[in-house]
């Protein structure tokens, strides 16, 4: 069942709101999140009543924090203040999403763990897509914890608020089957990410940009993207394989060729584990900003996709 989230933002930050909605697409498709903003208000609807109704019924309050947000009487003094009251009774979880540097640490927002990681403003990231992906990853973890957490007792005050989202970390050893199943699940996520991203790219490309997903087998797929606006260098290709623990290129390998032979690779994705969880690590013949980092399947899929379309001269805002 989808968890309702209220997005509070200043209208000067419309562009950031649009980017966030695009990055939340997978969470919506997974049925995990319904994110509401005032763009959903229909003509003829009482503005204040619609906002109040959505805020009161939401489990999450996502504040898009910027200088404009902090200066907004309605966003900060009305919406955020009401969210604070609901938070004190355990009825809502407040998540600041820091868009730009501002004096938010001097406000009650400082009491809540912010996204992206360490509260680093999205505008300060070299690649803002990576910043938004970090936000989505944090929200995904929060949603998972909310689904398993007991329903809060609204009469228990701050104790209920403290219980929401707590997740035990249990030390364990991971065997070969668990690692193999983790790799299988990761490959499925990557494959679906590419399949759906091809559909989306074709919808916005207006014929200038074409993308094609082709399944090769149960454990491999290939994609091609064509940018017809470029006379040269306007094509990109990738083949991704689930090695099923048989190859030395990694548990999942990729090569920037169409229908590439399984004996070639430009890099691999390995399943690793610490004392608490399984995760993915990317190895590459070329430099990557997240090379060697602990990643989930969605982060790997996004990295591969961005490198894939970049071959054809396609970047994202």
Protein backbone atom coordinates (compact mmCIF):
# COMPACT_ATOMS: atom_id res chain seq x y z
CA UNK A 1 0.00 0.00 0.00
CA UNK A 2 1.35 3.41 -0.97
CA UNK A 3 2.41 5.81 1.79
CA UNK A 4 1.15 9.38 1.37
CA UNK A 5 3.70 12.18 1.33
CA UNK A 6 2.99 15.92 1.36
CA UNK A 7 5.54 17.98 -0.57
CA UNK A 8 5.95 21.50 0.82
CA UNK A 9 7.84 23.85 -1.51
CA UNK A 10 8.14 27.46 -2.62
CA UNK A 11 6.82 28.10 -6.12
CA UNK A 12 10.19 29.62 -7.02
CA UNK A 13 11.51 26.05 -6.74
CA UNK A 14 9.12 24.60 -9.33
CA UNK A 15 11.99 23.22 -11.41
CA UNK A 16 13.40 21.30 -8.45
CA UNK A 17 9.94 19.91 -7.70
CA UNK A 18 9.65 18.64 -11.28
CA UNK A 19 13.06 16.93 -11.03
CA UNK A 20 12.08 15.30 -7.74
CA UNK A 21 8.84 13.98 -9.23
CA UNK A 22 10.78 12.41 -12.10
CA UNK A 23 13.23 10.73 -9.73
CA UNK A 24 10.32 9.42 -7.63
CA UNK A 25 8.89 7.59 -10.67
CA UNK A 26 10.16 4.16 -9.62
CA UNK A 27 8.77 4.53 -6.09
CA UNK A 28 5.39 5.39 -7.58
CA UNK A 29 5.52 2.47 -10.01
CA UNK A 30 6.44 0.14 -7.16
CA UNK A 31 3.31 1.28 -5.35
CA UNK A 32 5.36 2.50 -2.40
CA UNK A 33 4.67 6.23 -2.46
CA UNK A 34 2.00 8.75 -3.38
CA UNK A 35 3.62 12.20 -3.32
CA UNK A 36 1.16 15.12 -3.23
CA UNK A 37 1.90 18.73 -4.09
CA UNK A 38 -0.45 21.62 -4.79
CA UNK A 39 -0.14 20.95 -8.53
CA UNK A 40 -2.85 18.32 -7.98
CA UNK A 41 -5.41 20.92 -6.90
CA UNK A 42 -8.10 21.25 -9.55
CA UNK A 43 -9.64 24.50 -10.71
CA UNK A 44 -12.54 25.57 -8.51
CA UNK A 45 -11.20 23.79 -5.42
CA UNK A 46 -10.69 25.78 -2.23
CA UNK A 47 -6.90 26.08 -2.10
CA UNK A 48 -6.40 26.18 1.65
CA UNK A 49 -8.82 23.35 2.33
CA UNK A 50 -7.16 21.01 -0.20
CA UNK A 51 -3.72 21.66 1.27
CA UNK A 52 -4.90 21.18 4.84
CA UNK A 53 -6.72 17.94 4.00
CA UNK A 54 -3.70 16.44 2.27
CA UNK A 55 -1.30 17.50 5.03
CA UNK A 56 -3.46 16.06 7.80
CA UNK A 57 -3.75 12.68 6.05
CA UNK A 58 -0.07 12.27 5.07
CA UNK A 59 2.53 10.12 6.81
CA UNK A 60 5.50 12.06 5.39
CA UNK A 61 6.18 15.78 5.09
CA UNK A 62 8.86 16.50 2.47
CA UNK A 63 10.13 20.06 2.80
CA UNK A 64 12.08 21.34 -0.23
CA UNK A 65 14.34 23.73 1.66
CA UNK A 66 15.82 26.78 -0.04
CA UNK A 67 16.16 30.51 0.68
CA UNK A 68 12.75 30.99 -0.95
CA UNK A 69 11.23 28.29 1.26
CA UNK A 70 12.62 29.83 4.44
CA UNK A 71 11.29 33.24 3.37
CA UNK A 72 7.82 31.94 2.47
CA UNK A 73 5.18 32.83 5.01
CA UNK A 74 2.83 30.10 3.82
CA UNK A 75 5.37 27.27 3.37
CA UNK A 76 7.38 27.84 6.53
CA UNK A 77 4.96 29.56 8.91
CA UNK A 78 1.83 27.62 7.94
CA UNK A 79 2.66 24.22 6.40
CA UNK A 80 5.87 23.48 8.28
CA UNK A 81 4.55 24.72 11.61
CA UNK A 82 1.51 22.45 11.29
CA UNK A 83 3.78 19.55 10.33
CA UNK A 84 5.78 20.20 13.52
CA UNK A 85 2.60 19.88 15.58
CA UNK A 86 1.68 16.62 13.85
CA UNK A 87 5.25 15.34 14.27
CA UNK A 88 5.10 15.88 18.04
CA UNK A 89 2.18 13.45 18.26
CA UNK A 90 3.83 10.90 15.95
CA UNK A 91 1.33 11.44 13.14
CA UNK A 92 3.82 12.55 10.48
CA UNK A 93 7.52 12.19 9.68
CA UNK A 94 9.36 15.35 8.56
CA UNK A 95 12.13 15.00 5.96
CA UNK A 96 13.97 18.18 4.93
CA UNK A 97 15.34 17.98 1.37
CA UNK A 98 17.98 20.67 1.04
CA UNK A 99 17.88 22.29 -2.40
CA UNK A 100 20.21 25.25 -1.89
CA UNK A 101 22.44 26.66 0.86
CA UNK A 102 20.40 28.64 3.39
CA UNK A 103 20.10 29.22 7.14
CA UNK A 104 17.95 26.12 7.79
CA UNK A 105 20.22 24.92 10.64
CA UNK A 106 19.01 27.90 12.67
CA UNK A 107 15.42 26.65 12.41
CA UNK A 108 13.58 23.64 13.88
CA UNK A 109 14.39 21.83 10.62
CA UNK A 110 17.79 21.08 12.15
CA UNK A 111 16.15 18.53 14.46
CA UNK A 112 15.34 16.22 11.54
CA UNK A 113 17.77 14.13 9.49
CA UNK A 114 17.99 15.83 6.11
CA UNK A 115 18.55 14.57 2.59
CA UNK A 116 20.76 14.36 0.56
CA UNK A 117 23.37 12.73 2.78
CA UNK A 118 24.76 15.02 5.51
CA UNK A 119 22.37 17.77 4.39
CA UNK A 120 24.60 18.70 1.45
CA UNK A 121 22.50 21.01 -0.78
CA UNK A 122 21.55 19.51 -4.13
CA UNK A 123 22.88 22.60 -5.90
CA UNK A 124 26.37 21.86 -4.50
CA UNK A 125 26.58 18.40 -6.11
CA UNK A 126 28.58 18.08 -9.33
CA UNK A 127 25.82 15.91 -10.82
CA UNK A 128 22.41 16.85 -9.47
CA UNK A 129 20.96 13.56 -10.71
CA UNK A 130 23.20 11.79 -8.19
CA UNK A 131 21.92 14.12 -5.49
CA UNK A 132 18.29 13.35 -6.32
CA UNK A 133 19.13 9.65 -6.46
CA UNK A 134 20.58 9.92 -2.95
CA UNK A 135 17.31 11.54 -1.86
CA UNK A 136 15.24 8.75 -3.41
CA UNK A 137 17.47 6.08 -1.85
CA UNK A 138 16.97 7.65 1.58
CA UNK A 139 13.21 7.84 1.05
CA UNK A 140 13.08 4.22 -0.10
CA UNK A 141 14.78 3.10 3.12
CA UNK A 142 12.40 5.23 5.16
CA UNK A 143 9.35 3.79 3.39
CA UNK A 144 10.58 0.26 4.05
CA UNK A 145 10.97 1.03 7.75
CA UNK A 146 7.54 2.64 7.95
CA UNK A 147 5.92 -0.46 6.47
CA UNK A 148 7.35 -2.70 9.18
CA UNK A 149 7.01 -0.24 12.08
CA UNK A 150 3.98 -0.58 14.39
CA UNK A 151 1.20 1.96 13.98
CA UNK A 152 1.93 4.94 16.23
CA UNK A 153 -0.22 5.68 19.27
CA UNK A 154 -1.18 9.32 18.80
CA UNK A 155 -1.67 9.65 22.57
CA UNK A 156 1.88 8.63 23.47
CA UNK A 157 3.53 11.91 22.45
CA UNK A 158 7.22 12.01 21.58
CA UNK A 159 7.73 8.31 22.39
CA UNK A 160 5.61 7.36 19.38
CA UNK A 161 7.60 9.70 17.17
CA UNK A 162 10.86 8.13 18.36
CA UNK A 163 9.67 4.62 17.52
CA UNK A 164 8.69 5.34 13.93
CA UNK A 165 11.27 4.15 11.41
CA UNK A 166 13.56 2.29 13.85
CA UNK A 167 15.09 -0.74 12.14
CA UNK A 168 17.27 -3.27 13.92
CA UNK A 169 20.67 -4.04 12.38
CA UNK A 170 21.40 -7.74 12.84
CA UNK A 171 24.85 -9.17 12.20
CA UNK A 172 24.85 -12.24 9.96
CA UNK A 173 26.81 -14.27 7.44
CA UNK A 174 25.61 -14.49 3.83
CA UNK A 175 25.89 -17.74 1.89
CA UNK A 176 26.27 -18.39 -1.84
CA UNK A 177 22.54 -18.81 -2.45
CA UNK A 178 21.71 -15.49 -0.80
CA UNK A 179 24.35 -13.71 -2.86
CA UNK A 180 23.12 -15.39 -6.05
CA UNK A 181 19.51 -14.42 -5.36
CA UNK A 182 20.62 -10.86 -4.59
CA UNK A 183 22.40 -10.69 -7.96
CA UNK A 184 19.30 -12.07 -9.73
CA UNK A 185 17.08 -9.47 -8.09
CA UNK A 186 19.55 -6.69 -8.94
CA UNK A 187 19.68 -7.77 -12.60
CA UNK A 188 15.87 -7.70 -12.76
CA UNK A 189 15.82 -4.16 -11.35
CA UNK A 190 18.46 -2.99 -13.86
CA UNK A 191 16.65 -4.66 -16.76
CA UNK A 192 13.29 -3.11 -15.83
CA UNK A 193 14.96 0.28 -15.31
CA UNK A 194 16.36 0.20 -18.86
CA UNK A 195 13.12 -1.08 -20.35
CA UNK A 196 11.02 1.66 -18.75
CA UNK A 197 13.62 4.35 -19.39
CA UNK A 198 13.60 3.50 -23.09
CA UNK A 199 9.84 3.98 -23.16
CA UNK A 200 10.14 7.34 -21.38
CA UNK A 201 12.94 8.54 -23.66
CA UNK A 202 10.89 7.70 -26.75
CA UNK A 203 7.95 9.64 -25.33
CA UNK A 204 9.98 12.84 -24.80
CA UNK A 205 12.31 12.46 -27.77
CA UNK A 206 9.81 13.74 -30.38
CA UNK A 207 11.39 11.47 -32.99
CA UNK A 208 14.83 13.06 -32.64
CA UNK A 209 15.86 10.59 -29.97
CA UNK A 210 15.02 6.90 -30.25
CA UNK A 211 15.80 4.17 -27.75
CA UNK A 212 15.30 0.44 -28.17
CA UNK A 213 15.39 -2.29 -25.53
CA UNK A 214 15.92 -5.88 -26.69
CA UNK A 215 15.96 -8.95 -24.50
CA UNK A 216 18.62 -11.46 -25.52
CA UNK A 217 17.88 -14.23 -23.04
CA UNK A 218 16.68 -14.69 -19.48
CA UNK A 219 20.04 -13.39 -18.31
CA UNK A 220 20.99 -10.71 -20.86
CA UNK A 221 19.61 -7.66 -22.64
CA UNK A 222 20.90 -5.00 -24.99
CA UNK A 223 19.90 -1.38 -25.61
CA UNK A 224 20.52 1.13 -28.36
CA UNK A 225 19.92 4.88 -28.30
CA UNK A 226 20.10 7.13 -31.37
CA UNK A 227 20.34 10.92 -31.26
CA UNK A 228 19.44 12.05 -34.77
CA UNK A 229 20.38 15.65 -33.96
CA UNK A 230 24.07 14.68 -34.13
CA UNK A 231 25.80 13.95 -37.43
CA UNK A 232 28.46 11.86 -35.71
CA UNK A 233 28.70 10.24 -32.31
CA UNK A 234 24.94 10.10 -32.06
CA UNK A 235 24.58 6.47 -31.03
CA UNK A 236 25.00 4.57 -27.79
CA UNK A 237 24.96 0.84 -27.11
CA UNK A 238 25.11 -1.42 -24.09
CA UNK A 239 24.78 -5.12 -23.29
CA UNK A 240 24.18 -6.22 -19.71
CA UNK A 241 24.48 -9.82 -18.49
CA UNK A 242 23.71 -11.69 -15.32
CA UNK A 243 26.80 -13.90 -15.13
CA UNK A 244 25.14 -16.37 -12.71
CA UNK A 245 28.48 -16.58 -10.87
CA UNK A 246 30.20 -18.12 -13.91
CA UNK A 247 32.36 -15.23 -15.16
CA UNK A 248 35.31 -13.28 -13.80
CA UNK A 249 33.87 -9.94 -14.96
CA UNK A 250 31.56 -9.73 -11.95
CA UNK A 251 28.13 -11.01 -10.96
CA UNK A 252 26.66 -8.61 -13.52
CA UNK A 253 28.78 -7.46 -16.47
CA UNK A 254 28.27 -4.70 -19.00
CA UNK A 255 29.90 -3.73 -22.28
CA UNK A 256 29.17 -0.71 -24.46
CA UNK A 257 28.34 -2.74 -27.57
CA UNK A 258 25.14 -3.98 -29.14
CA UNK A 259 24.54 -7.74 -28.75
CA UNK A 260 28.04 -8.07 -27.31
CA UNK A 261 29.64 -11.46 -26.90
CA UNK A 262 29.67 -12.77 -23.32
CA UNK A 263 33.48 -12.87 -23.41
CA UNK A 264 33.78 -9.06 -23.46
CA UNK A 265 33.33 -6.46 -20.75
CA UNK A 266 33.85 -2.80 -19.97
CA UNK A 267 33.15 -3.37 -16.30
CA UNK A 268 31.29 -5.43 -13.78
CA UNK A 269 29.04 -5.25 -10.75
CA UNK A 270 29.95 -7.40 -7.75
CA UNK A 271 27.76 -8.56 -4.88
CA UNK A 272 29.53 -7.83 -1.60
CA UNK A 273 28.49 -8.02 2.04
CA UNK A 274 29.39 -6.52 5.36
CA UNK A 275 28.24 -7.83 8.73
CA UNK A 276 24.71 -6.51 8.20
CA UNK A 277 23.66 -6.43 4.56
CA UNK A 278 24.35 -7.29 0.95
CA UNK A 279 25.20 -4.50 -1.47
CA UNK A 280 26.63 -3.89 -4.94
CA UNK A 281 30.03 -2.52 -5.98
CA UNK A 282 30.83 -1.30 -9.49
CA UNK A 283 34.18 -2.01 -11.15
CA UNK A 284 35.05 -0.21 -14.36
CA UNK A 285 37.87 0.27 -16.83
CA UNK A 286 37.07 3.97 -16.78
CA UNK A 287 36.60 6.36 -13.89
CA UNK A 288 33.20 6.58 -12.20
CA UNK A 289 32.16 8.94 -9.41
CA UNK A 290 30.72 6.08 -7.36
CA UNK A 291 33.31 3.43 -8.24
CA UNK A 292 33.89 1.21 -5.20
CA UNK A 293 30.94 2.67 -3.25
CA UNK A 294 28.22 0.58 -1.61
CA UNK A 295 25.25 0.77 -3.98
CA UNK A 296 21.77 -0.66 -4.39
CA UNK A 297 20.35 -1.93 -7.68
CA UNK A 298 18.60 1.34 -8.54
CA UNK A 299 21.81 3.32 -8.11
CA UNK A 300 23.70 0.89 -10.36
CA UNK A 301 20.93 1.04 -12.97
CA UNK A 302 20.96 4.85 -12.96
CA UNK A 303 24.76 4.99 -13.33
CA UNK A 304 24.75 2.53 -16.23
CA UNK A 305 21.89 4.38 -17.94
CA UNK A 306 23.58 7.79 -17.67
CA UNK A 307 26.85 6.42 -19.09
CA UNK A 308 24.92 4.63 -21.84
CA UNK A 309 22.97 7.66 -23.13
CA UNK A 310 25.99 9.95 -22.74
CA UNK A 311 27.54 8.11 -25.69
CA UNK A 312 24.83 9.62 -27.87
CA UNK A 313 25.26 13.12 -26.48
CA UNK A 314 22.32 12.92 -24.07
CA UNK A 315 22.54 14.33 -20.54
CA UNK A 316 19.93 15.06 -17.90
CA UNK A 317 19.31 18.39 -16.17
